[in-house]
Amino acid sequence: MAEKRMKIGEILVAAGVLQEEQLQQALTVQSQLGGTLGENLIRLGFLDEESLLNALSEQMGMQHINLEKVEIPPAMQRLVQLETVRLRRILPIGFEGKKLVVGMVDPTDLSALSDVEFQSGHSTKAVILSAIHFEQALQFFQAYGYGTTPLNLKDAKAARKTAKVEKSMDSLLEALVSWKGQDLHLSAGAIPSIRVDNEIRRLGLPALKPAEVEQMIYGIMSPEQKRIFQENKELDFAYSLHGLARFRCNVYRQRSSIAFTARHVVENIPGASELGLPDFLRDFALKSQGLILIVGPNGHGKSTTLANLVDTINRERKANVITIEDPVEFTHRHKNSNINQREVGTDTHSFADGLRHIFRQNPDVIVIGELRDYESISIALTAAETGHLVLGTLHSNSATAAVDRIIDIFPANQQHQVRAQLAECLLLVFSQRLLRRASGNGRILAWEKMSTSSRIRNAIREAKVAQLRGMLQASVEEFVNIDWTLADLVSSGKVKYEEACKYADSVTYLNELLKVRGVFK
């Protein structure tokens, strides 16, 4: 990508509309804040959008198009998949004779035209498209759907005047909810952005100044939260926007200024079918004793899966459930079980402190929002051994890596004992990823399962965890490798092959599974 950006920069320098020093400064800002080179040149005030488009048009002998002056019908949109539109930053505009006119934010990315010609079945003609108009088009598709409504930015722009996102925390959080996004990101010098389907999208606002970021964040914090943040330089807390939603927030310092992330927490706990969870999870959740781990990277739905399992217990067991969370995300009402939710920083000082006294609270089920330190994991193993069901999340890239992570957190002289404990009490490691759907809208679950068996217990006890990945490829009842579920998603048309490859344990093995399923010849 860097080579493409330099080519555009060289074009603008050659046209005499940009100086070499300005280009280097814009490239530096681009590496820090993201976005296209053109967006950063406009942000720095070196060029306005019209000058940028005119210079590129003249130097490349390519027309540019004003997206506000055209309407793109649904049938035209459907000629190119939304995923290609997003990734390549292109847009089908209309026909000129037999050629499909394609708007391009990066007119040097000529390989994108090959994708369009392959999908549409038409030869193409490239025109230059404004990055700002392209982002507005993506916002339009998010609001009204892709391939279902004529794209008309002029009418949409008029409508947005009455629903403009403002520079206030509540307004930004409302935008996060309305876009069905996962996270809001704020930092000094950057345009406010929202993560939608694991893709960062910038809002139509200027970059934030340090004082603006600080004012917005401090405006939703209590005096005690401000004090703790100023002492520790970072803080997790929950925030509720009355009548709208709850958010899990994190504020931290970076480059002498404040930055902020808010995760939208859905009030209603989604059902297993809505989340795409396999049926066997319910059976494990209703066990009376042992350890269940939900693992995966940040932002891939571990907390939501955990909440679903707690809700299953709440509905189908008569148990005393105690959770320790940082912060509390999903609020559980008492059903057949008693659910006592404790928040770190409010109800207990830390995970370790909360767990240290938990046995006196007579729990049947212990839920740990995140297993993150030696003492918490040690108490969790003891609890799982002594007649309690323990559920928790752990940051790990796979089911087998989770076992290594737990063992490695202990000193070497304790690891033999920990292996014996873990081999005895482990019920299930459920590893999950959320992948972009083939349609381009929403995400879908891929998972990996490692459940207890004599082979698993022996491998853990005898420090042969490295051999477990080979065992997982067998895909018997106790082992299901993530490549199996990825192959199922690709063969059913729910996920594209390229997306599955990003999360495959072995692309070679994934290809073999797809051949068996008849996807590859």
Protein backbone atom coordinates (compact mmCIF):
# COMPACT_ATOMS: atom_id res chain seq x y z
CA MET A 1 0.00 0.00 0.00
CA ALA A 2 2.89 2.35 0.78
CA GLU A 3 4.07 2.08 -2.85
CA LYS A 4 0.64 3.11 -4.14
CA ARG A 5 0.50 6.09 -1.81
CA MET A 6 3.93 7.27 -2.97
CA LYS A 7 2.83 7.04 -6.59
CA ILE A 8 -0.12 9.33 -5.89
CA GLY A 9 2.18 11.66 -3.95
CA GLU A 10 4.66 11.78 -6.82
CA ILE A 11 1.85 12.61 -9.22
CA LEU A 12 0.81 15.57 -7.09
CA VAL A 13 4.40 16.80 -6.68
CA ALA A 14 4.91 16.50 -10.45
CA ALA A 15 1.74 18.52 -11.00
CA GLY A 16 3.21 21.33 -8.91
CA VAL A 17 0.28 21.38 -6.49
CA LEU A 18 2.27 19.82 -3.63
CA GLN A 19 5.78 20.26 -2.27
CA GLU A 20 8.00 17.29 -1.39
CA GLU A 21 8.16 18.36 2.28
CA GLN A 22 4.37 18.52 2.45
CA LEU A 23 4.13 15.03 0.95
CA GLN A 24 6.51 13.59 3.56
CA GLN A 25 4.61 15.30 6.38
CA ALA A 26 1.29 13.93 5.07
CA LEU A 27 2.75 10.41 4.81
CA THR A 28 3.96 10.64 8.40
CA VAL A 29 0.52 11.73 9.62
CA GLN A 30 -1.04 8.95 7.53
CA SER A 31 1.12 6.32 9.24
CA GLN A 32 -0.01 7.64 12.63
CA LEU A 33 -3.71 8.26 12.01
CA GLY A 34 -4.55 6.06 9.02
CA GLY A 35 -6.80 7.09 6.13
CA THR A 36 -5.75 7.81 2.54
CA LEU A 37 -2.98 10.19 1.52
CA GLY A 38 -5.57 12.53 0.00
CA GLU A 39 -7.58 12.64 3.24
CA ASN A 40 -4.47 13.59 5.19
CA LEU A 41 -3.42 16.26 2.68
CA ILE A 42 -6.85 17.85 3.09
CA ARG A 43 -6.72 17.42 6.89
CA LEU A 44 -3.35 19.26 7.00
CA GLY A 45 -4.69 22.05 4.78
CA PHE A 46 -2.15 21.45 1.97
CA LEU A 47 -4.90 20.89 -0.61
CA ASP A 48 -8.64 21.19 -0.86
CA GLU A 49 -10.57 18.31 -2.32
CA GLU A 50 -11.31 19.99 -5.65
CA SER A 51 -7.63 20.82 -6.25
CA LEU A 52 -6.65 17.26 -5.38
CA LEU A 53 -9.15 15.72 -7.81
CA ASN A 54 -8.32 18.18 -10.61
CA ALA A 55 -4.58 17.51 -10.27
CA LEU A 56 -5.03 13.74 -10.35
CA SER A 57 -7.41 13.98 -13.32
CA GLU A 58 -5.02 16.15 -15.33
CA GLN A 59 -1.89 14.14 -14.58
CA MET A 60 -3.47 10.71 -15.09
CA GLY A 61 -5.73 11.60 -17.99
CA MET A 62 -8.67 10.26 -16.02
CA GLN A 63 -12.04 11.90 -15.32
CA HIS A 64 -13.27 12.47 -11.78
CA ILE A 65 -16.89 12.19 -10.72
CA ASN A 66 -19.06 14.10 -8.29
CA LEU A 67 -21.05 11.40 -6.50
CA GLU A 68 -23.64 13.96 -5.37
CA LYS A 69 -24.68 14.48 -8.99
CA VAL A 70 -25.46 10.86 -9.84
CA GLU A 71 -27.83 8.21 -8.60
CA ILE A 72 -26.70 4.59 -8.53
CA PRO A 73 -29.60 2.10 -8.79
CA PRO A 74 -29.63 -1.11 -6.71
CA ALA A 75 -29.03 -3.35 -9.75
CA MET A 76 -25.85 -1.40 -10.56
CA GLN A 77 -24.62 -1.75 -6.98
CA ARG A 78 -25.16 -5.52 -7.06
CA LEU A 79 -22.72 -5.92 -9.96
CA VAL A 80 -19.89 -5.70 -7.39
CA GLN A 81 -19.89 -7.33 -3.95
CA LEU A 82 -19.99 -4.98 -0.95
CA GLU A 83 -16.85 -6.60 0.47
CA THR A 84 -14.93 -5.68 -2.71
CA VAL A 85 -16.33 -2.14 -2.57
CA ARG A 86 -15.08 -1.72 1.01
CA LEU A 87 -11.68 -3.35 0.63
CA ARG A 88 -10.79 -1.87 -2.76
CA ARG A 89 -12.49 1.50 -2.09
CA ILE A 90 -14.24 1.41 -5.46
CA LEU A 91 -17.85 1.91 -6.55
CA PRO A 92 -19.74 0.92 -9.72
CA ILE A 93 -21.26 4.11 -11.16
CA GLY A 94 -23.02 3.26 -14.42
CA PHE A 95 -22.41 2.27 -18.03
CA GLU A 96 -20.67 4.22 -20.77
CA GLY A 97 -21.48 2.22 -23.85
CA LYS A 98 -20.62 -1.37 -22.96
CA LYS A 99 -18.08 -0.39 -20.30
CA LEU A 100 -18.83 -0.29 -16.60
CA VAL A 101 -17.69 3.03 -15.11
CA VAL A 102 -15.94 2.42 -11.78
CA GLY A 103 -15.18 5.20 -9.28
CA MET A 104 -11.82 4.70 -7.53
CA VAL A 105 -10.49 6.46 -4.42
CA ASP A 106 -7.01 5.20 -5.33
CA PRO A 107 -6.75 5.47 -9.13
CA THR A 108 -3.31 3.76 -9.10
CA ASP A 109 -4.81 0.50 -7.77
CA LEU A 110 -5.50 -0.85 -11.24
CA SER A 111 -5.57 -4.45 -9.99
CA ALA A 112 -8.92 -3.59 -8.36
CA LEU A 113 -10.42 -3.32 -11.84
CA SER A 114 -9.63 -6.99 -12.44
CA ASP A 115 -11.77 -7.91 -9.43
CA VAL A 116 -14.62 -5.77 -10.76
CA GLU A 117 -14.40 -7.22 -14.28
CA PHE A 118 -14.39 -10.77 -12.88
CA GLN A 119 -17.44 -10.18 -10.65
CA SER A 120 -19.49 -8.05 -13.06
CA GLY A 121 -18.59 -9.73 -16.34
CA HIS A 122 -18.04 -6.31 -17.96
CA SER A 123 -14.97 -4.43 -19.15
CA THR A 124 -14.34 -1.29 -17.09
CA LYS A 125 -13.48 2.37 -17.29
CA ALA A 126 -11.93 3.98 -14.19
CA VAL A 127 -12.83 7.45 -12.90
CA ILE A 128 -11.49 9.19 -9.82
CA LEU A 129 -13.77 9.24 -6.78
CA SER A 130 -13.56 11.57 -3.78
CA ALA A 131 -12.59 9.75 -0.55
CA ILE A 132 -15.13 11.87 1.35
CA HIS A 133 -17.93 10.93 -1.04
CA PHE A 134 -16.88 7.28 -0.82
CA GLU A 135 -17.13 7.33 3.00
CA GLN A 136 -20.55 8.97 2.69
CA ALA A 137 -21.59 6.17 0.34
CA LEU A 138 -20.50 3.55 2.90
CA GLN A 139 -22.53 5.38 5.57
CA PHE A 140 -25.52 5.34 3.21
CA PHE A 141 -25.18 1.59 2.67
CA GLN A 142 -24.89 1.03 6.41
CA ALA A 143 -28.11 2.96 7.00
CA TYR A 144 -30.21 1.84 4.00
CA GLY A 145 -28.62 -1.41 2.81
CA TYR A 146 -26.47 -2.28 -0.20
CA GLY A 147 -28.08 -3.31 -3.44
CA THR A 148 -31.57 -2.58 -2.12
CA THR A 149 -31.92 1.23 -2.30
CA PRO A 150 -30.80 3.76 -4.97
CA LEU A 151 -27.68 5.60 -3.77
CA ASN A 152 -28.45 9.32 -3.75
CA LEU A 153 -25.94 11.30 -1.70
CA LYS A 154 -27.62 14.63 -2.37
CA ASP A 155 -30.88 13.55 -0.70
CA ALA A 156 -29.00 11.72 2.03
CA LYS A 157 -26.91 14.82 2.72
CA ALA A 158 -30.06 16.90 3.18
CA ALA A 159 -31.44 14.29 5.57
CA ARG A 160 -28.20 14.24 7.57
CA LYS A 161 -28.50 17.95 8.33
CA THR A 162 -31.25 17.09 10.79
CA ALA A 163 -29.38 14.11 12.22
CA LYS A 164 -25.77 15.30 12.25
CA VAL A 165 -23.30 13.66 14.61
CA GLU A 166 -22.05 16.25 17.06
CA LYS A 167 -18.83 16.50 19.03
CA SER A 168 -20.33 15.26 22.27
CA MET A 169 -19.86 11.91 23.95
CA ASP A 170 -23.57 11.11 24.02
CA SER A 171 -23.93 11.94 20.32
CA LEU A 172 -20.96 9.75 19.41
CA LEU A 173 -22.29 6.87 21.48
CA GLU A 174 -25.69 7.25 19.81
CA ALA A 175 -23.92 7.00 16.44
CA LEU A 176 -22.18 3.82 17.62
CA VAL A 177 -25.56 2.24 18.43
CA SER A 178 -27.31 3.44 15.27
CA TRP A 179 -24.49 2.08 13.08
CA LYS A 180 -24.73 -1.26 14.95
CA GLY A 181 -21.05 -0.88 15.73
CA GLN A 182 -18.95 -2.66 18.33
CA ASP A 183 -16.55 0.07 19.51
CA LEU A 184 -16.06 3.83 19.56
CA HIS A 185 -12.45 5.12 19.43
CA LEU A 186 -11.39 8.64 20.41
CA SER A 187 -7.85 10.03 20.48
CA ALA A 188 -6.24 13.43 20.04
CA GLY A 189 -5.40 14.33 16.44
CA ALA A 190 -7.67 11.65 14.97
CA ILE A 191 -11.18 11.73 13.52
CA PRO A 192 -13.65 9.88 15.82
CA SER A 193 -14.08 6.35 14.50
CA ILE A 194 -16.42 3.39 14.95
CA ARG A 195 -15.65 -0.30 14.51
CA VAL A 196 -18.38 -1.98 12.45
CA ASP A 197 -18.01 -5.70 11.60
CA ASN A 198 -14.39 -5.45 12.78
CA GLU A 199 -13.64 -2.61 10.33
CA ILE A 200 -12.73 0.92 11.48
CA ARG A 201 -14.86 3.68 9.91
CA ARG A 202 -14.29 7.38 10.46
CA LEU A 203 -17.21 9.66 11.26
CA GLY A 204 -17.87 12.85 9.31
CA LEU A 205 -16.20 15.09 11.90
CA PRO A 206 -12.93 17.02 12.16
CA ALA A 207 -9.99 15.51 14.04
CA LEU A 208 -10.26 15.99 17.81
CA LYS A 209 -8.04 18.32 19.78
CA PRO A 210 -6.54 17.05 23.08
CA ALA A 211 -8.73 19.40 25.14
CA GLU A 212 -11.88 18.20 23.33
CA VAL A 213 -11.09 14.54 24.03
CA GLU A 214 -10.39 15.27 27.70
CA GLN A 215 -13.58 17.31 28.12
CA MET A 216 -15.78 14.59 26.57
CA ILE A 217 -14.25 11.76 28.61
CA TYR A 218 -14.20 13.59 31.95
CA GLY A 219 -17.83 14.57 31.32
CA ILE A 220 -18.99 10.95 31.80
CA MET A 221 -16.69 10.03 34.70
CA SER A 222 -17.43 10.38 38.40
CA PRO A 223 -15.02 12.31 40.68
CA GLU A 224 -13.77 9.01 42.12
CA GLN A 225 -13.16 7.58 38.64
CA LYS A 226 -11.21 10.70 37.68
CA ARG A 227 -9.07 10.36 40.80
CA ILE A 228 -8.29 6.69 40.11
CA PHE A 229 -7.50 7.44 36.47
CA GLN A 230 -5.15 10.29 37.37
CA GLU A 231 -3.33 7.98 39.79
CA ASN A 232 -3.15 4.88 37.57
CA LYS A 233 -3.17 6.55 34.11
CA GLU A 234 -5.77 4.04 32.87
CA LEU A 235 -9.22 2.91 33.95
CA ASP A 236 -12.01 0.49 33.03
CA PHE A 237 -15.56 1.61 33.86
CA ALA A 238 -19.15 1.18 32.72
CA TYR A 239 -21.37 3.99 31.40
CA SER A 240 -25.11 3.97 30.71
CA LEU A 241 -26.77 6.32 28.27
CA HIS A 242 -30.31 6.63 29.63
CA GLY A 243 -32.88 4.96 27.44
CA LEU A 244 -30.34 3.86 24.85
CA ALA A 245 -27.59 1.44 25.87
CA ARG A 246 -24.74 0.49 28.20
CA PHE A 247 -21.06 0.72 27.35
CA ARG A 248 -17.85 -0.84 28.66
CA CYS A 249 -15.31 1.97 28.63
CA ASN A 250 -11.53 2.22 28.88
CA VAL A 251 -9.62 5.47 29.19
CA TYR A 252 -5.83 5.62 28.95
CA ARG A 253 -2.94 7.95 28.21
CA GLN A 254 -0.97 7.99 24.96
CA ARG A 255 1.64 10.49 23.77
CA SER A 256 0.86 12.86 26.67
CA SER A 257 -2.86 12.99 25.89
CA ILE A 258 -5.99 10.97 26.73
CA ALA A 259 -7.54 8.27 24.52
CA PHE A 260 -10.80 6.38 24.94
CA THR A 261 -12.55 3.21 23.78
CA ALA A 262 -16.20 2.30 24.43
CA ARG A 263 -17.64 -1.17 23.72
CA HIS A 264 -21.41 -1.29 23.12
CA VAL A 265 -22.92 -3.83 25.51
CA VAL A 266 -26.20 -5.29 24.29
CA GLU A 267 -28.80 -5.26 27.07
CA ASN A 268 -30.60 -8.44 26.04
CA ILE A 269 -28.49 -11.58 26.20
CA PRO A 270 -28.57 -13.17 22.71
CA GLY A 271 -29.74 -16.77 22.40
CA ALA A 272 -27.51 -19.63 21.31
CA SER A 273 -29.06 -19.82 17.83
CA GLU A 274 -28.64 -16.07 17.31
CA LEU A 275 -24.95 -16.34 18.25
CA GLY A 276 -24.41 -19.50 16.24
CA LEU A 277 -23.28 -21.49 19.30
CA PRO A 278 -23.19 -25.29 19.01
CA ASP A 279 -25.64 -27.36 21.08
CA PHE A 280 -22.96 -29.09 23.16
CA LEU A 281 -22.17 -25.85 25.01
CA ARG A 282 -25.48 -26.08 26.88
CA ASP A 283 -24.61 -29.55 28.14
CA PHE A 284 -21.27 -28.36 29.50
CA ALA A 285 -22.85 -25.28 31.12
CA LEU A 286 -25.15 -27.57 33.12
CA LYS A 287 -22.30 -29.65 34.58
CA SER A 288 -21.97 -29.41 38.36
CA GLN A 289 -18.16 -29.26 38.63
CA GLY A 290 -15.10 -28.43 36.56
CA LEU A 291 -13.50 -25.65 34.49
CA ILE A 292 -14.87 -24.21 31.24
CA LEU A 293 -12.72 -21.72 29.30
CA ILE A 294 -13.96 -19.42 26.52
CA VAL A 295 -10.89 -18.23 24.62
CA GLY A 296 -10.02 -16.06 21.63
CA PRO A 297 -8.66 -12.60 20.77
CA ASN A 298 -10.20 -9.36 21.99
CA GLY A 299 -13.37 -8.32 20.15
CA HIS A 300 -14.43 -11.80 19.05
CA GLY A 301 -17.44 -12.28 21.34
CA LYS A 302 -16.03 -14.17 24.33
CA SER A 303 -17.99 -12.12 26.88
CA THR A 304 -21.24 -12.59 24.95
CA THR A 305 -20.76 -16.36 24.80
CA LEU A 306 -19.99 -16.40 28.53
CA ALA A 307 -23.16 -14.39 29.25
CA ASN A 308 -25.20 -16.89 27.22
CA LEU A 309 -23.84 -19.79 29.29
CA VAL A 310 -24.63 -17.95 32.55
CA ASP A 311 -28.15 -17.31 31.28
CA THR A 312 -28.52 -21.03 30.50
CA ILE A 313 -27.53 -21.87 34.08
CA ASN A 314 -29.85 -19.16 35.39
CA ARG A 315 -32.83 -20.64 33.53
CA GLU A 316 -32.18 -24.36 33.98
CA ARG A 317 -30.40 -24.79 37.32
CA LYS A 318 -31.20 -23.84 40.91
CA ALA A 319 -27.78 -22.56 41.88
CA ASN A 320 -25.99 -19.73 43.63
CA VAL A 321 -23.95 -18.01 40.91
CA ILE A 322 -21.30 -15.40 41.74
CA THR A 323 -19.61 -13.44 38.97
CA ILE A 324 -16.54 -11.21 39.15
CA GLU A 325 -16.37 -8.86 36.18
CA ASP A 326 -14.40 -5.79 35.07
CA PRO A 327 -16.80 -4.13 34.44
CA VAL A 328 -20.23 -5.82 34.56
CA GLU A 329 -21.41 -5.98 30.95
CA PHE A 330 -24.63 -8.01 30.84
CA THR A 331 -27.05 -7.62 33.73
CA HIS A 332 -28.65 -10.93 34.75
CA ARG A 333 -32.02 -11.07 36.53
CA HIS A 334 -32.64 -13.80 39.10
CA LYS A 335 -34.54 -16.69 37.48
CA ASN A 336 -34.23 -20.23 38.81
CA SER A 337 -30.76 -19.33 40.10
CA ASN A 338 -29.47 -16.49 42.26
CA ILE A 339 -27.07 -14.34 40.21
CA ASN A 340 -24.75 -12.10 42.26
CA GLN A 341 -22.62 -9.89 40.02
CA ARG A 342 -19.56 -8.20 41.52
CA GLU A 343 -17.71 -5.46 39.66
CA VAL A 344 -13.97 -4.92 40.09
CA GLY A 345 -13.32 -1.45 41.46
CA THR A 346 -16.87 -1.07 42.82
CA ASP A 347 -17.69 -4.27 44.70
CA THR A 348 -14.17 -5.70 45.08
CA HIS A 349 -10.65 -4.33 44.61
CA SER A 350 -9.48 -6.92 42.07
CA PHE A 351 -10.23 -10.33 40.57
CA ALA A 352 -7.81 -11.90 43.05
CA ASP A 353 -9.43 -10.14 46.03
CA GLY A 354 -12.91 -11.15 44.94
CA LEU A 355 -11.88 -14.77 44.47
CA ARG A 356 -9.89 -14.95 47.71
CA HIS A 357 -13.08 -14.70 49.79
CA ILE A 358 -15.51 -16.33 47.37
CA PHE A 359 -15.73 -19.72 49.11
CA ARG A 360 -17.36 -18.09 52.14
CA GLN A 361 -20.16 -16.86 49.85
CA ASN A 362 -21.28 -20.48 49.21
CA PRO A 363 -21.21 -20.44 45.38
CA ASP A 364 -22.23 -23.34 43.18
CA VAL A 365 -21.02 -21.57 40.03
CA ILE A 366 -18.15 -19.07 39.81
CA VAL A 367 -17.89 -16.84 36.74
CA ILE A 368 -14.65 -14.93 36.15
CA GLY A 369 -14.84 -12.20 33.54
CA GLU A 370 -11.18 -12.65 32.61
CA LEU A 371 -8.49 -14.99 33.92
CA ARG A 372 -5.51 -12.70 33.81
CA ASP A 373 -3.09 -13.36 36.70
CA TYR A 374 -1.38 -16.10 38.68
CA GLU A 375 -3.53 -15.80 41.83
CA SER A 376 -6.87 -15.73 40.01
CA ILE A 377 -6.01 -18.79 37.92
CA SER A 378 -4.72 -20.64 41.01
CA ILE A 379 -7.97 -20.04 42.92
CA ALA A 380 -10.07 -20.93 39.84
CA LEU A 381 -8.30 -24.30 39.54
CA THR A 382 -8.79 -25.02 43.26
CA ALA A 383 -12.48 -24.08 43.02
CA ALA A 384 -13.00 -26.34 39.99
CA GLU A 385 -11.34 -29.20 41.86
CA THR A 386 -13.42 -28.80 45.00
CA GLY A 387 -16.99 -29.16 43.70
CA HIS A 388 -17.64 -25.87 41.86
CA LEU A 389 -18.37 -25.13 38.22
CA VAL A 390 -15.98 -22.37 37.11
CA LEU A 391 -16.45 -20.45 33.85
CA GLY A 392 -14.03 -17.81 32.58
CA THR A 393 -12.55 -16.13 29.53
CA LEU A 394 -8.90 -16.09 28.54
CA HIS A 395 -7.02 -14.28 25.78
CA SER A 396 -5.56 -17.06 23.63
CA ASN A 397 -5.28 -17.84 19.92
CA SER A 398 -6.38 -21.47 20.18
CA ALA A 399 -7.69 -24.12 22.54
CA THR A 400 -4.27 -25.74 22.98
CA ALA A 401 -2.51 -22.39 23.43
CA ALA A 402 -4.91 -21.70 26.34
CA VAL A 403 -3.54 -24.76 28.17
CA ASP A 404 0.03 -23.54 27.65
CA ARG A 405 -0.90 -20.04 28.81
CA ILE A 406 -2.37 -21.29 32.09
CA ILE A 407 0.61 -23.52 32.87
CA ASP A 408 3.24 -20.95 31.86
CA ILE A 409 1.83 -18.28 34.19
CA PHE A 410 3.05 -20.34 37.18
CA PRO A 411 6.68 -20.60 38.40
CA ALA A 412 8.58 -23.61 37.04
CA ASN A 413 8.60 -25.39 40.41
CA GLN A 414 4.76 -25.32 40.50
CA GLN A 415 4.01 -26.31 36.92
CA HIS A 416 3.99 -30.07 37.57
CA GLN A 417 1.28 -29.61 40.22
CA VAL A 418 -0.69 -27.23 37.98
CA ARG A 419 -0.64 -29.75 35.11
CA ALA A 420 -2.12 -32.35 37.44
CA GLN A 421 -4.81 -29.93 38.65
CA LEU A 422 -5.73 -28.79 35.14
CA ALA A 423 -5.81 -32.35 33.78
CA GLU A 424 -8.20 -33.31 36.56
CA CYS A 425 -10.65 -30.39 36.46
CA LEU A 426 -10.71 -29.15 32.82
CA LEU A 427 -14.07 -29.78 31.12
CA LEU A 428 -13.89 -27.73 27.94
CA VAL A 429 -11.86 -25.13 26.07
CA PHE A 430 -14.03 -23.35 23.49
CA SER A 431 -12.03 -21.12 21.13
CA GLN A 432 -13.91 -18.71 18.88
CA ARG A 433 -13.50 -16.19 16.06
CA LEU A 434 -15.97 -13.84 14.40
CA LEU A 435 -15.62 -13.69 10.60
CA ARG A 436 -17.12 -11.30 8.08
CA ARG A 437 -20.11 -12.84 6.33
CA ALA A 438 -19.85 -13.42 2.59
CA SER A 439 -22.64 -10.86 2.08
CA GLY A 440 -20.45 -8.17 3.66
CA ASN A 441 -23.01 -7.45 6.40
CA GLY A 442 -22.46 -8.78 9.91
CA ARG A 443 -20.16 -11.47 11.35
CA ILE A 444 -20.52 -15.19 11.92
CA LEU A 445 -18.96 -17.54 14.46
CA ALA A 446 -16.21 -20.07 13.77
CA TRP A 447 -15.13 -22.22 16.69
CA GLU A 448 -12.72 -24.85 17.98
CA LYS A 449 -13.47 -27.39 20.71
CA MET A 450 -11.21 -29.31 23.07
CA SER A 451 -13.11 -31.28 25.72
CA THR A 452 -11.85 -33.56 28.45
CA SER A 453 -10.84 -37.16 27.70
CA SER A 454 -8.16 -39.59 28.83
CA ARG A 455 -5.96 -38.53 25.89
CA ILE A 456 -6.33 -34.85 26.74
CA ARG A 457 -5.70 -35.44 30.45
CA ASN A 458 -2.59 -37.51 29.77
CA ALA A 459 -1.17 -34.94 27.33
CA ILE A 460 -1.64 -32.14 29.87
CA ARG A 461 -0.32 -34.19 32.78
CA GLU A 462 2.76 -35.39 30.86
CA ALA A 463 3.64 -31.94 29.43
CA LYS A 464 2.86 -33.04 25.86
CA VAL A 465 0.49 -30.18 25.07
CA ALA A 466 2.40 -29.47 21.84
CA GLN A 467 1.10 -32.79 20.50
CA LEU A 468 -2.52 -31.75 20.99
CA ARG A 469 -2.72 -29.71 17.77
CA GLY A 470 -2.00 -32.82 15.74
CA MET A 471 -4.62 -34.68 17.75
CA LEU A 472 -7.14 -31.91 17.05
CA GLN A 473 -7.01 -32.55 13.30
CA ALA A 474 -8.63 -35.93 13.92
CA SER A 475 -11.95 -34.13 14.58
CA VAL A 476 -13.54 -36.79 16.76
CA GLU A 477 -16.10 -35.97 19.45
CA GLU A 478 -13.55 -34.53 21.89
CA PHE A 479 -11.59 -32.57 19.26
CA VAL A 480 -12.90 -30.19 16.62
CA ASN A 481 -10.22 -28.12 14.88
CA ILE A 482 -11.24 -24.60 13.82
CA ASP A 483 -10.36 -25.54 10.23
CA TRP A 484 -13.35 -27.94 10.24
CA THR A 485 -15.82 -25.20 11.11
CA LEU A 486 -14.13 -22.79 8.67
CA ALA A 487 -14.49 -25.38 5.90
CA ASP A 488 -18.20 -25.79 6.73
CA LEU A 489 -18.72 -22.01 6.56
CA VAL A 490 -16.95 -21.70 3.20
CA SER A 491 -18.67 -24.73 1.63
CA SER A 492 -22.10 -23.43 2.70
CA GLY A 493 -21.37 -20.01 1.16
CA LYS A 494 -21.58 -18.16 4.49
CA VAL A 495 -17.93 -17.03 4.48
CA LYS A 496 -15.53 -16.32 1.62
CA TYR A 497 -12.45 -18.49 1.26
CA GLU A 498 -10.07 -15.51 1.64
CA GLU A 499 -11.70 -14.56 4.95
CA ALA A 500 -11.45 -18.13 6.25
CA CYS A 501 -7.74 -18.26 5.41
CA LYS A 502 -7.10 -15.35 7.78
CA TYR A 503 -8.21 -17.48 10.74
CA ALA A 504 -7.17 -20.96 9.63
CA ASP A 505 -4.79 -22.96 11.79
CA SER A 506 -3.41 -24.56 8.60
CA VAL A 507 -4.41 -23.28 5.16
CA THR A 508 -3.11 -26.55 3.68
CA TYR A 509 -5.42 -28.57 5.93
CA LEU A 510 -8.31 -26.19 5.22
CA ASN A 511 -7.78 -26.77 1.48
CA GLU A 512 -7.87 -30.54 2.01
CA LEU A 513 -11.14 -30.26 3.91
CA LEU A 514 -12.64 -28.10 1.15
CA LYS A 515 -11.64 -30.70 -1.45
CA VAL A 516 -13.49 -33.37 0.55
CA ARG A 517 -16.54 -31.08 0.62
CA GLY A 518 -16.35 -30.62 -3.15
CA VAL A 519 -15.44 -26.91 -3.05
CA PHE A 520 -12.02 -27.52 -4.65
CA LYS A 521 -11.51 -30.03 -7.43
